[in-house]
Amino acid sequence: MPRATPFDLLFSSMAADRFPALRASLGETAADARDRDAFLMNRDAIRLVRELRPEGGVGEAIDQLVALVHHAYLFWAAGMPVVAIDAASLAQMLSPPVSAGGTGPAALYAQLPELRVWGEVIEGEPHEPMDGCFVHESRPGELRVLGVFGVHQARDGFTVVEAAGPRVERLARADGAALFAPTLPGGTAAGLHSIAGEEELLELGYRARERAA
């Protein structure tokens, strides 16, 4: 059985009912759905964000909730393409040289092999496993990438982190380590990888999109 995506876990029961109306509403104003500001001015989008907000509120995490709703809608509008990456493909994708060809679909979810990529989402807190990332083009030559961490059946929800912008040229870690090298103790022997910072998350999105082309 294919592994459920974060979209399946959170939006599958509402997408068929809510997203067509949202698409029609965006079409009435000729808004570019990729434009986050225009998206948030739409009444149906605002209503959906409010409904998903926990009763106790989310405080500063409202930006992450908005990002998740926006990525989920664009993923649905693109036909919900999932790029499933196995362990062998992951190692190839995260190793140099980097391909610069292909653009892939307008939006996608890249699903990584379980427990192979980790990140310190909150500084000082335990590292969390990365399930995958939503990716879409925000404007020509720029992507928005939403990393999804800590997906587990026993957990209510998951953690998201967003990075956006053009591809960073000659990206390198300050300590000289290779991009995506593990930062967890024993990570190299276990064949693990790590996301160290938003620029690396963004680079992962570019590579995943190229792989989907």
N, C-alpha and C. Protein backbone atom coordinates (compact mmCIF):
# COMPACT_ATOMS: atom_id res chain seq x y z
N MET A 1 0.84 -1.19 0.00
CA MET A 1 0.00 0.00 0.00
C MET A 1 0.88 1.25 0.00
N PRO A 2 0.56 2.25 -0.85
CA PRO A 2 1.32 3.49 -0.83
C PRO A 2 1.20 4.18 0.53
N ARG A 3 2.26 4.83 0.96
CA ARG A 3 2.23 5.54 2.23
C ARG A 3 1.39 6.81 2.11
N ALA A 4 0.58 7.07 3.11
CA ALA A 4 -0.25 8.27 3.10
C ALA A 4 0.63 9.52 3.14
N THR A 5 0.23 10.53 2.42
CA THR A 5 0.93 11.81 2.43
C THR A 5 0.29 12.72 3.47
N PRO A 6 0.95 13.81 3.85
CA PRO A 6 0.31 14.79 4.74
C PRO A 6 -1.00 15.32 4.17
N PHE A 7 -1.09 15.43 2.85
CA PHE A 7 -2.35 15.85 2.23
C PHE A 7 -3.44 14.84 2.54
N ASP A 8 -3.13 13.56 2.40
CA ASP A 8 -4.11 12.51 2.71
C ASP A 8 -4.58 12.61 4.16
N LEU A 9 -3.63 12.84 5.06
CA LEU A 9 -3.94 12.83 6.48
C LEU A 9 -4.79 14.01 6.92
N LEU A 10 -4.60 15.17 6.29
CA LEU A 10 -5.26 16.38 6.76
C LEU A 10 -6.35 16.89 5.84
N PHE A 11 -6.20 16.70 4.53
CA PHE A 11 -7.10 17.35 3.59
C PHE A 11 -7.99 16.42 2.77
N SER A 12 -7.74 15.12 2.80
CA SER A 12 -8.47 14.23 1.90
C SER A 12 -9.97 14.27 2.12
N SER A 13 -10.41 14.44 3.36
CA SER A 13 -11.85 14.42 3.65
C SER A 13 -12.55 15.72 3.27
N MET A 14 -11.79 16.79 3.05
CA MET A 14 -12.42 18.07 2.74
C MET A 14 -12.11 18.59 1.35
N ALA A 15 -11.07 18.07 0.70
CA ALA A 15 -10.61 18.64 -0.57
C ALA A 15 -11.70 18.64 -1.64
N ALA A 16 -12.40 17.52 -1.78
CA ALA A 16 -13.41 17.42 -2.83
C ALA A 16 -14.56 18.39 -2.60
N ASP A 17 -14.84 18.72 -1.34
CA ASP A 17 -15.93 19.64 -1.04
C ASP A 17 -15.52 21.10 -1.08
N ARG A 18 -14.29 21.38 -0.66
CA ARG A 18 -13.89 22.78 -0.46
C ARG A 18 -13.03 23.37 -1.56
N PHE A 19 -12.13 22.57 -2.13
CA PHE A 19 -11.18 23.14 -3.07
C PHE A 19 -11.80 23.56 -4.41
N PRO A 20 -12.80 22.84 -4.96
CA PRO A 20 -13.41 23.33 -6.21
C PRO A 20 -14.03 24.72 -6.05
N ALA A 21 -14.69 24.97 -4.93
CA ALA A 21 -15.28 26.29 -4.68
C ALA A 21 -14.19 27.35 -4.54
N LEU A 22 -13.09 26.97 -3.90
CA LEU A 22 -11.97 27.89 -3.76
C LEU A 22 -11.38 28.23 -5.12
N ARG A 23 -11.23 27.23 -5.98
CA ARG A 23 -10.71 27.48 -7.32
C ARG A 23 -11.64 28.41 -8.11
N ALA A 24 -12.94 28.19 -8.00
CA ALA A 24 -13.90 29.04 -8.70
C ALA A 24 -13.84 30.46 -8.18
N SER A 25 -13.71 30.60 -6.87
CA SER A 25 -13.64 31.92 -6.26
C SER A 25 -12.39 32.67 -6.69
N LEU A 26 -11.27 31.96 -6.76
CA LEU A 26 -10.03 32.59 -7.24
C LEU A 26 -10.17 32.99 -8.70
N GLY A 27 -10.88 32.17 -9.49
CA GLY A 27 -11.07 32.47 -10.89
C GLY A 27 -11.92 33.70 -11.12
N GLU A 28 -12.85 33.97 -10.21
CA GLU A 28 -13.72 35.14 -10.34
C GLU A 28 -12.93 36.44 -10.29
N THR A 29 -11.86 36.44 -9.55
CA THR A 29 -11.04 37.65 -9.41
C THR A 29 -9.79 37.62 -10.29
N ALA A 30 -9.67 36.55 -11.09
CA ALA A 30 -8.49 36.38 -11.95
C ALA A 30 -7.20 36.42 -11.16
N ALA A 31 -7.26 35.98 -9.90
CA ALA A 31 -6.06 35.99 -9.05
C ALA A 31 -5.14 34.85 -9.42
N ASP A 32 -3.84 35.10 -9.34
CA ASP A 32 -2.85 34.05 -9.53
C ASP A 32 -2.78 33.27 -8.23
N ALA A 33 -3.22 32.02 -8.26
CA ALA A 33 -3.29 31.22 -7.03
C ALA A 33 -1.92 31.04 -6.39
N ARG A 34 -0.85 31.19 -7.15
CA ARG A 34 0.49 31.04 -6.59
C ARG A 34 0.88 32.21 -5.70
N ASP A 35 0.20 33.34 -5.87
CA ASP A 35 0.49 34.56 -5.11
C ASP A 35 -0.08 34.41 -3.70
N ARG A 36 0.77 34.26 -2.71
CA ARG A 36 0.31 34.02 -1.34
C ARG A 36 -0.59 35.16 -0.84
N ASP A 37 -0.23 36.40 -1.14
CA ASP A 37 -1.02 37.53 -0.68
C ASP A 37 -2.41 37.52 -1.31
N ALA A 38 -2.47 37.25 -2.62
CA ALA A 38 -3.76 37.19 -3.31
C ALA A 38 -4.59 36.02 -2.78
N PHE A 39 -3.94 34.92 -2.49
CA PHE A 39 -4.62 33.75 -1.95
C PHE A 39 -5.28 34.09 -0.62
N LEU A 40 -4.57 34.84 0.21
CA LEU A 40 -5.08 35.16 1.55
C LEU A 40 -6.17 36.23 1.52
N MET A 41 -6.35 36.88 0.39
CA MET A 41 -7.43 37.86 0.28
C MET A 41 -8.73 37.19 -0.15
N ASN A 42 -8.68 35.91 -0.45
CA ASN A 42 -9.86 35.18 -0.89
C ASN A 42 -10.67 34.72 0.32
N ARG A 43 -11.96 34.94 0.31
CA ARG A 43 -12.81 34.63 1.46
C ARG A 43 -12.82 33.12 1.78
N ASP A 44 -12.83 32.29 0.71
CA ASP A 44 -12.87 30.84 0.94
C ASP A 44 -11.56 30.34 1.54
N ALA A 45 -10.44 30.92 1.12
CA ALA A 45 -9.15 30.52 1.69
C ALA A 45 -9.06 30.93 3.16
N ILE A 46 -9.51 32.13 3.47
CA ILE A 46 -9.49 32.60 4.86
C ILE A 46 -10.36 31.73 5.73
N ARG A 47 -11.54 31.36 5.22
CA ARG A 47 -12.46 30.52 5.98
C ARG A 47 -11.84 29.15 6.27
N LEU A 48 -11.14 28.61 5.30
CA LEU A 48 -10.52 27.30 5.47
C LEU A 48 -9.42 27.35 6.52
N VAL A 49 -8.61 28.40 6.49
CA VAL A 49 -7.54 28.56 7.48
C VAL A 49 -8.14 28.66 8.88
N ARG A 50 -9.21 29.42 9.01
CA ARG A 50 -9.85 29.58 10.32
C ARG A 50 -10.41 28.26 10.83
N GLU A 51 -10.97 27.46 9.95
CA GLU A 51 -11.54 26.18 10.36
C GLU A 51 -10.46 25.19 10.81
N LEU A 52 -9.29 25.28 10.21
CA LEU A 52 -8.21 24.36 10.55
C LEU A 52 -7.43 24.81 11.78
N ARG A 53 -7.62 26.05 12.17
CA ARG A 53 -6.90 26.57 13.33
C ARG A 53 -7.43 25.91 14.60
N PRO A 54 -6.55 25.40 15.46
CA PRO A 54 -7.01 24.78 16.71
C PRO A 54 -7.77 25.78 17.58
N GLU A 55 -8.62 25.26 18.46
CA GLU A 55 -9.43 26.13 19.31
C GLU A 55 -8.57 27.05 20.16
N GLY A 56 -7.43 26.57 20.59
CA GLY A 56 -6.56 27.39 21.41
C GLY A 56 -5.71 28.36 20.62
N GLY A 57 -5.87 28.37 19.28
CA GLY A 57 -5.05 29.24 18.44
C GLY A 57 -3.69 28.63 18.18
N VAL A 58 -2.95 29.27 17.28
CA VAL A 58 -1.63 28.77 16.94
C VAL A 58 -0.54 29.83 17.13
N GLY A 59 -0.94 31.03 17.54
CA GLY A 59 0.04 32.07 17.78
C GLY A 59 0.87 32.39 16.55
N GLU A 60 2.19 32.43 16.76
CA GLU A 60 3.09 32.76 15.66
C GLU A 60 3.10 31.67 14.58
N ALA A 61 2.60 30.49 14.90
CA ALA A 61 2.58 29.39 13.93
C ALA A 61 1.50 29.56 12.87
N ILE A 62 0.75 30.67 12.91
CA ILE A 62 -0.28 30.89 11.89
C ILE A 62 0.34 30.94 10.51
N ASP A 63 1.56 31.45 10.39
CA ASP A 63 2.23 31.50 9.09
C ASP A 63 2.45 30.10 8.52
N GLN A 64 2.79 29.16 9.39
CA GLN A 64 2.99 27.78 8.95
C GLN A 64 1.67 27.14 8.52
N LEU A 65 0.59 27.45 9.23
CA LEU A 65 -0.72 26.92 8.86
C LEU A 65 -1.15 27.48 7.50
N VAL A 66 -0.97 28.77 7.31
CA VAL A 66 -1.31 29.39 6.02
C VAL A 66 -0.50 28.76 4.90
N ALA A 67 0.79 28.56 5.14
CA ALA A 67 1.65 27.96 4.12
C ALA A 67 1.17 26.56 3.77
N LEU A 68 0.79 25.79 4.78
CA LEU A 68 0.31 24.42 4.54
C LEU A 68 -0.96 24.41 3.70
N VAL A 69 -1.91 25.27 4.03
CA VAL A 69 -3.16 25.34 3.27
C VAL A 69 -2.88 25.76 1.83
N HIS A 70 -2.01 26.73 1.65
CA HIS A 70 -1.68 27.22 0.30
C HIS A 70 -1.02 26.12 -0.53
N HIS A 71 -0.03 25.45 0.05
CA HIS A 71 0.65 24.37 -0.67
C HIS A 71 -0.32 23.24 -0.98
N ALA A 72 -1.19 22.90 -0.03
CA ALA A 72 -2.15 21.81 -0.24
C ALA A 72 -3.09 22.13 -1.39
N TYR A 73 -3.56 23.37 -1.45
CA TYR A 73 -4.47 23.74 -2.53
C TYR A 73 -3.77 23.64 -3.89
N LEU A 74 -2.57 24.17 -4.00
CA LEU A 74 -1.85 24.14 -5.28
C LEU A 74 -1.50 22.71 -5.68
N PHE A 75 -1.18 21.87 -4.70
CA PHE A 75 -0.93 20.46 -4.95
C PHE A 75 -2.18 19.80 -5.53
N TRP A 76 -3.33 20.09 -4.93
CA TRP A 76 -4.61 19.55 -5.44
C TRP A 76 -4.90 20.07 -6.84
N ALA A 77 -4.71 21.36 -7.05
CA ALA A 77 -5.01 21.97 -8.36
C ALA A 77 -4.12 21.41 -9.46
N ALA A 78 -2.92 20.95 -9.11
CA ALA A 78 -1.99 20.38 -10.09
C ALA A 78 -2.27 18.90 -10.36
N GLY A 79 -3.28 18.33 -9.72
CA GLY A 79 -3.58 16.92 -9.93
C GLY A 79 -2.99 16.00 -8.89
N MET A 80 -2.47 16.55 -7.82
CA MET A 80 -1.89 15.81 -6.69
C MET A 80 -0.76 14.85 -7.09
N PRO A 81 0.23 15.34 -7.84
CA PRO A 81 1.35 14.46 -8.22
C PRO A 81 2.28 14.18 -7.04
N VAL A 82 2.49 12.91 -6.76
CA VAL A 82 3.41 12.50 -5.70
C VAL A 82 4.64 11.86 -6.33
N VAL A 83 5.80 12.36 -5.97
CA VAL A 83 7.06 11.79 -6.43
C VAL A 83 7.61 10.95 -5.28
N ALA A 84 7.49 9.64 -5.38
CA ALA A 84 7.97 8.73 -4.34
C ALA A 84 9.44 8.42 -4.59
N ILE A 85 10.28 8.73 -3.64
CA ILE A 85 11.73 8.58 -3.79
C ILE A 85 12.20 7.45 -2.86
N ASP A 86 12.78 6.41 -3.44
CA ASP A 86 13.28 5.32 -2.60
C ASP A 86 14.70 5.63 -2.13
N ALA A 87 15.26 4.74 -1.33
CA ALA A 87 16.56 5.01 -0.71
C ALA A 87 17.67 5.18 -1.74
N ALA A 88 17.68 4.34 -2.78
CA ALA A 88 18.72 4.45 -3.80
C ALA A 88 18.59 5.76 -4.57
N SER A 89 17.36 6.13 -4.91
CA SER A 89 17.14 7.38 -5.64
C SER A 89 17.47 8.59 -4.78
N LEU A 90 17.22 8.48 -3.48
CA LEU A 90 17.53 9.58 -2.56
C LEU A 90 19.02 9.85 -2.54
N ALA A 91 19.82 8.79 -2.40
CA ALA A 91 21.27 8.96 -2.36
C ALA A 91 21.78 9.62 -3.63
N GLN A 92 21.22 9.24 -4.76
CA GLN A 92 21.62 9.83 -6.03
C GLN A 92 21.20 11.29 -6.11
N MET A 93 19.98 11.59 -5.67
CA MET A 93 19.45 12.94 -5.75
C MET A 93 20.22 13.91 -4.87
N LEU A 94 20.71 13.43 -3.73
CA LEU A 94 21.39 14.32 -2.78
C LEU A 94 22.90 14.39 -2.98
N SER A 95 23.40 13.68 -3.98
CA SER A 95 24.84 13.68 -4.23
C SER A 95 25.17 14.53 -5.45
N PRO A 96 26.33 15.20 -5.45
CA PRO A 96 26.74 15.92 -6.65
C PRO A 96 27.15 14.93 -7.73
N PRO A 97 27.19 15.31 -9.02
CA PRO A 97 26.82 16.64 -9.51
C PRO A 97 25.31 16.83 -9.56
N VAL A 98 24.90 18.09 -9.58
CA VAL A 98 23.48 18.42 -9.56
C VAL A 98 23.00 18.70 -10.97
N SER A 99 21.89 18.08 -11.34
CA SER A 99 21.29 18.34 -12.64
C SER A 99 20.66 19.72 -12.64
N ALA A 100 20.73 20.40 -13.76
CA ALA A 100 20.11 21.71 -13.89
C ALA A 100 18.99 21.67 -14.91
N GLY A 101 18.58 20.49 -15.33
CA GLY A 101 17.56 20.39 -16.37
C GLY A 101 16.23 19.94 -15.83
N GLY A 102 15.15 20.31 -16.53
CA GLY A 102 13.81 19.88 -16.17
C GLY A 102 13.18 20.74 -15.09
N THR A 103 11.87 20.90 -15.17
CA THR A 103 11.17 21.75 -14.21
C THR A 103 10.09 21.00 -13.46
N GLY A 104 9.58 19.89 -13.99
CA GLY A 104 8.56 19.14 -13.27
C GLY A 104 7.20 19.81 -13.31
N PRO A 105 6.22 19.23 -12.61
CA PRO A 105 4.87 19.78 -12.60
C PRO A 105 4.79 21.11 -11.84
N ALA A 106 3.64 21.78 -11.97
CA ALA A 106 3.47 23.08 -11.33
C ALA A 106 3.57 22.98 -9.82
N ALA A 107 3.11 21.88 -9.26
CA ALA A 107 3.21 21.63 -7.81
C ALA A 107 3.28 20.13 -7.60
N LEU A 108 3.92 19.72 -6.52
CA LEU A 108 4.08 18.29 -6.25
C LEU A 108 4.37 18.06 -4.78
N TYR A 109 4.27 16.79 -4.38
CA TYR A 109 4.75 16.38 -3.07
C TYR A 109 5.81 15.33 -3.29
N ALA A 110 7.01 15.59 -2.81
CA ALA A 110 8.11 14.62 -2.88
C ALA A 110 8.15 13.85 -1.58
N GLN A 111 7.87 12.55 -1.66
CA GLN A 111 7.82 11.70 -0.47
C GLN A 111 9.13 10.94 -0.33
N LEU A 112 9.83 11.18 0.76
CA LEU A 112 11.14 10.59 0.99
C LEU A 112 11.00 9.24 1.69
N PRO A 113 12.01 8.38 1.57
CA PRO A 113 11.97 7.12 2.33
C PRO A 113 11.95 7.41 3.83
N GLU A 114 11.24 6.59 4.55
CA GLU A 114 11.03 6.85 5.98
C GLU A 114 12.34 6.82 6.77
N LEU A 115 12.47 7.78 7.67
CA LEU A 115 13.55 7.84 8.66
C LEU A 115 14.94 7.94 8.03
N ARG A 116 15.02 8.50 6.83
CA ARG A 116 16.34 8.63 6.18
C ARG A 116 16.85 10.06 6.17
N VAL A 117 15.95 11.05 6.24
CA VAL A 117 16.35 12.46 6.26
C VAL A 117 15.82 13.09 7.53
N TRP A 118 16.70 13.82 8.24
CA TRP A 118 16.34 14.40 9.53
C TRP A 118 16.66 15.88 9.57
N GLY A 119 16.02 16.58 10.48
CA GLY A 119 16.31 18.00 10.64
C GLY A 119 16.01 18.48 12.04
N GLU A 120 16.80 19.46 12.50
CA GLU A 120 16.55 20.11 13.79
C GLU A 120 15.58 21.25 13.52
N VAL A 121 14.30 20.95 13.56
CA VAL A 121 13.27 21.92 13.17
C VAL A 121 13.23 23.09 14.15
N ILE A 122 13.30 22.79 15.44
CA ILE A 122 13.33 23.81 16.48
C ILE A 122 14.68 23.73 17.18
N GLU A 123 15.38 24.85 17.19
CA GLU A 123 16.74 24.85 17.75
C GLU A 123 16.75 24.33 19.19
N GLY A 124 17.63 23.38 19.44
CA GLY A 124 17.76 22.82 20.77
C GLY A 124 16.84 21.66 21.05
N GLU A 125 15.88 21.41 20.15
CA GLU A 125 14.95 20.30 20.32
C GLU A 125 15.45 19.08 19.55
N PRO A 126 14.97 17.87 19.89
CA PRO A 126 15.40 16.67 19.16
C PRO A 126 15.11 16.77 17.67
N HIS A 127 15.99 16.19 16.87
CA HIS A 127 15.79 16.16 15.43
C HIS A 127 14.54 15.35 15.09
N GLU A 128 13.88 15.74 14.01
CA GLU A 128 12.67 15.04 13.57
C GLU A 128 12.88 14.46 12.18
N PRO A 129 12.27 13.30 11.90
CA PRO A 129 12.40 12.72 10.57
C PRO A 129 11.55 13.50 9.56
N MET A 130 12.06 13.64 8.37
CA MET A 130 11.36 14.37 7.32
C MET A 130 10.56 13.38 6.46
N ASP A 131 9.26 13.60 6.37
CA ASP A 131 8.42 12.76 5.53
C ASP A 131 8.60 13.12 4.06
N GLY A 132 8.70 14.42 3.78
CA GLY A 132 8.83 14.88 2.40
C GLY A 132 8.63 16.38 2.33
N CYS A 133 8.32 16.87 1.14
CA CYS A 133 8.12 18.30 0.99
C CYS A 133 7.15 18.62 -0.15
N PHE A 134 6.31 19.62 0.08
CA PHE A 134 5.50 20.19 -0.97
C PHE A 134 6.35 21.21 -1.71
N VAL A 135 6.21 21.25 -3.03
CA VAL A 135 7.01 22.17 -3.85
C VAL A 135 6.10 22.80 -4.89
N HIS A 136 6.19 24.12 -5.05
CA HIS A 136 5.53 24.77 -6.19
C HIS A 136 6.31 26.00 -6.60
N GLU A 137 6.12 26.40 -7.84
CA GLU A 137 6.76 27.61 -8.36
C GLU A 137 5.95 28.82 -7.94
N SER A 138 6.55 29.72 -7.17
CA SER A 138 5.84 30.90 -6.70
C SER A 138 5.83 32.01 -7.74
N ARG A 139 6.87 32.05 -8.55
CA ARG A 139 6.99 32.97 -9.68
C ARG A 139 8.10 32.41 -10.56
N PRO A 140 8.22 32.87 -11.80
CA PRO A 140 9.25 32.30 -12.68
C PRO A 140 10.64 32.34 -12.03
N GLY A 141 11.26 31.18 -11.94
CA GLY A 141 12.61 31.10 -11.39
C GLY A 141 12.69 31.01 -9.89
N GLU A 142 11.55 30.92 -9.21
CA GLU A 142 11.54 30.84 -7.75
C GLU A 142 10.57 29.76 -7.27
N LEU A 143 10.97 29.07 -6.22
CA LEU A 143 10.13 28.02 -5.64
C LEU A 143 9.76 28.35 -4.20
N ARG A 144 8.65 27.76 -3.77
CA ARG A 144 8.33 27.66 -2.35
C ARG A 144 8.39 26.18 -1.99
N VAL A 145 9.08 25.85 -0.92
CA VAL A 145 9.25 24.47 -0.49
C VAL A 145 8.81 24.36 0.96
N LEU A 146 7.87 23.46 1.22
CA LEU A 146 7.36 23.26 2.58
C LEU A 146 7.79 21.88 3.06
N GLY A 147 8.78 21.84 3.93
CA GLY A 147 9.23 20.58 4.49
C GLY A 147 8.27 20.09 5.57
N VAL A 148 7.97 18.81 5.55
CA VAL A 148 7.04 18.21 6.53
C VAL A 148 7.82 17.21 7.38
N PHE A 149 7.83 17.44 8.68
CA PHE A 149 8.61 16.63 9.61
C PHE A 149 7.71 16.01 10.68
N GLY A 150 8.15 14.87 11.20
CA GLY A 150 7.50 14.28 12.36
C GLY A 150 6.14 13.66 12.10
N VAL A 151 5.92 13.16 10.89
CA VAL A 151 4.65 12.47 10.60
C VAL A 151 4.69 11.09 11.25
N HIS A 152 3.70 10.81 12.09
CA HIS A 152 3.64 9.52 12.78
C HIS A 152 2.20 9.22 13.14
N GLN A 153 1.80 7.97 13.02
CA GLN A 153 0.42 7.59 13.29
C GLN A 153 -0.01 7.91 14.71
N ALA A 154 0.94 7.86 15.64
CA ALA A 154 0.60 8.11 17.05
C ALA A 154 0.61 9.59 17.39
N ARG A 155 0.97 10.44 16.43
CA ARG A 155 1.07 11.87 16.70
C ARG A 155 -0.08 12.61 16.03
N ASP A 156 -0.66 13.55 16.74
CA ASP A 156 -1.73 14.37 16.19
C ASP A 156 -1.11 15.58 15.50
N GLY A 157 -0.90 15.48 14.19
CA GLY A 157 -0.30 16.58 13.44
C GLY A 157 1.14 16.32 13.08
N PHE A 158 1.80 17.37 12.57
CA PHE A 158 3.19 17.28 12.16
C PHE A 158 3.76 18.69 12.13
N THR A 159 5.05 18.79 11.89
CA THR A 159 5.75 20.07 11.89
C THR A 159 6.09 20.46 10.46
N VAL A 160 5.91 21.74 10.13
CA VAL A 160 6.26 22.20 8.78
C VAL A 160 7.22 23.39 8.86
N VAL A 161 8.08 23.47 7.88
CA VAL A 161 9.03 24.58 7.74
C VAL A 161 9.05 24.98 6.28
N GLU A 162 8.98 26.28 5.99
CA GLU A 162 8.96 26.73 4.60
C GLU A 162 10.23 27.51 4.25
N ALA A 163 10.68 27.30 3.03
CA ALA A 163 11.77 28.09 2.45
C ALA A 163 11.33 28.52 1.07
N ALA A 164 11.73 29.71 0.65
CA ALA A 164 11.28 30.23 -0.64
C ALA A 164 12.38 31.08 -1.27
N GLY A 165 12.37 31.10 -2.61
CA GLY A 165 13.30 31.97 -3.31
C GLY A 165 13.94 31.30 -4.50
N PRO A 166 14.85 32.01 -5.15
CA PRO A 166 15.59 31.42 -6.26
C PRO A 166 16.62 30.42 -5.76
N ARG A 167 17.12 29.60 -6.64
CA ARG A 167 18.12 28.62 -6.26
C ARG A 167 19.42 29.32 -5.88
N VAL A 168 19.99 28.92 -4.77
CA VAL A 168 21.24 29.53 -4.30
C VAL A 168 22.41 28.93 -5.05
N GLU A 169 23.17 29.77 -5.70
CA GLU A 169 24.33 29.28 -6.45
C GLU A 169 25.49 28.98 -5.50
N ARG A 170 26.21 27.91 -5.81
CA ARG A 170 27.39 27.51 -5.04
C ARG A 170 27.07 27.38 -3.55
N LEU A 171 25.94 26.78 -3.26
CA LEU A 171 25.53 26.58 -1.87
C LEU A 171 26.51 25.64 -1.18
N ALA A 172 26.91 25.99 0.03
CA ALA A 172 27.86 25.18 0.80
C ALA A 172 27.62 25.40 2.28
N ARG A 173 27.95 24.40 3.07
CA ARG A 173 27.86 24.54 4.51
C ARG A 173 29.08 25.27 5.05
N ALA A 174 28.86 26.03 6.10
CA ALA A 174 29.94 26.83 6.68
C ALA A 174 31.07 25.97 7.22
N ASP A 175 30.73 24.75 7.69
CA ASP A 175 31.76 23.89 8.27
C ASP A 175 32.49 23.05 7.22
N GLY A 176 32.13 23.21 5.96
CA GLY A 176 32.79 22.47 4.89
C GLY A 176 32.22 21.10 4.62
N ALA A 177 31.26 20.67 5.42
CA ALA A 177 30.65 19.37 5.19
C ALA A 177 29.81 19.40 3.93
N ALA A 178 29.60 18.24 3.35
CA ALA A 178 28.79 18.15 2.14
C ALA A 178 27.34 18.51 2.44
N LEU A 179 26.67 19.05 1.44
CA LEU A 179 25.24 19.31 1.59
C LEU A 179 24.52 18.01 1.91
N PHE A 180 23.56 18.10 2.81
CA PHE A 180 22.71 16.97 3.22
C PHE A 180 23.47 15.90 4.00
N ALA A 181 24.72 16.19 4.40
CA ALA A 181 25.45 15.24 5.23
C ALA A 181 24.76 15.14 6.59
N PRO A 182 24.79 13.97 7.22
CA PRO A 182 24.09 13.80 8.50
C PRO A 182 24.72 14.63 9.60
N THR A 183 23.88 15.21 10.44
CA THR A 183 24.35 15.93 11.63
C THR A 183 24.03 15.16 12.90
N LEU A 184 23.33 14.04 12.76
CA LEU A 184 23.05 13.17 13.91
C LEU A 184 24.26 12.27 14.18
N PRO A 185 24.58 12.01 15.44
CA PRO A 185 25.68 11.08 15.75
C PRO A 185 25.40 9.71 15.14
N GLY A 186 26.40 9.14 14.48
CA GLY A 186 26.25 7.84 13.85
C GLY A 186 25.46 7.87 12.56
N GLY A 187 25.14 9.06 12.09
CA GLY A 187 24.31 9.19 10.89
C GLY A 187 24.97 8.66 9.64
N THR A 188 26.27 8.84 9.51
CA THR A 188 26.97 8.37 8.31
C THR A 188 26.92 6.86 8.20
N ALA A 189 27.20 6.18 9.30
CA ALA A 189 27.18 4.71 9.30
C ALA A 189 25.77 4.17 9.03
N ALA A 190 24.76 4.93 9.45
CA ALA A 190 23.37 4.49 9.27
C ALA A 190 22.80 4.88 7.91
N GLY A 191 23.59 5.60 7.12
CA GLY A 191 23.13 6.01 5.80
C GLY A 191 22.08 7.11 5.85
N LEU A 192 22.16 7.98 6.85
CA LEU A 192 21.18 9.05 7.00
C LEU A 192 21.63 10.34 6.33
N HIS A 193 20.69 11.26 6.19
CA HIS A 193 20.96 12.60 5.66
C HIS A 193 20.30 13.61 6.58
N SER A 194 20.75 14.86 6.51
CA SER A 194 20.17 15.91 7.33
C SER A 194 19.92 17.16 6.49
N ILE A 195 18.89 17.90 6.86
CA ILE A 195 18.62 19.21 6.30
C ILE A 195 19.15 20.23 7.29
N ALA A 196 20.13 21.01 6.89
CA ALA A 196 20.74 22.00 7.77
C ALA A 196 20.42 23.40 7.26
N GLY A 197 19.28 23.93 7.66
CA GLY A 197 18.93 25.29 7.30
C GLY A 197 17.96 25.38 6.13
N GLU A 198 17.36 26.55 5.98
CA GLU A 198 16.33 26.76 4.96
C GLU A 198 16.89 26.69 3.54
N GLU A 199 18.13 27.12 3.34
CA GLU A 199 18.69 27.08 1.99
C GLU A 199 18.85 25.64 1.51
N GLU A 200 19.19 24.74 2.42
CA GLU A 200 19.29 23.33 2.05
C GLU A 200 17.91 22.74 1.77
N LEU A 201 16.92 23.17 2.53
CA LEU A 201 15.55 22.74 2.27
C LEU A 201 15.11 23.21 0.89
N LEU A 202 15.43 24.44 0.55
CA LEU A 202 15.09 24.97 -0.76
C LEU A 202 15.79 24.19 -1.87
N GLU A 203 17.06 23.88 -1.68
CA GLU A 203 17.81 23.10 -2.66
C GLU A 203 17.20 21.71 -2.84
N LEU A 204 16.74 21.12 -1.75
CA LEU A 204 16.07 19.82 -1.85
C LEU A 204 14.84 19.93 -2.74
N GLY A 205 14.10 21.01 -2.59
CA GLY A 205 12.92 21.22 -3.42
C GLY A 205 13.26 21.32 -4.89
N TYR A 206 14.32 22.04 -5.21
CA TYR A 206 14.73 22.16 -6.62
C TYR A 206 15.12 20.79 -7.18
N ARG A 207 15.84 20.02 -6.39
CA ARG A 207 16.27 18.70 -6.87
C ARG A 207 15.08 17.75 -7.03
N ALA A 208 14.13 17.82 -6.11
CA ALA A 208 12.95 16.97 -6.21
C ALA A 208 12.12 17.34 -7.44
N ARG A 209 12.01 18.60 -7.73
CA ARG A 209 11.23 19.04 -8.89
C ARG A 209 11.90 18.61 -10.18
N GLU A 210 13.21 18.69 -10.22
CA GLU A 210 13.94 18.23 -11.41
C GLU A 210 13.75 16.73 -11.60
N ARG A 211 13.71 16.01 -10.49
CA ARG A 211 13.56 14.55 -10.60
C ARG A 211 12.18 14.19 -11.16
N ALA A 212 11.20 15.04 -10.91
CA ALA A 212 9.84 14.78 -11.38
C ALA A 212 9.64 15.16 -12.84
N ALA A 213 10.61 15.84 -13.43
CA ALA A 213 10.45 16.32 -14.82
C ALA A 213 10.41 15.15 -15.79
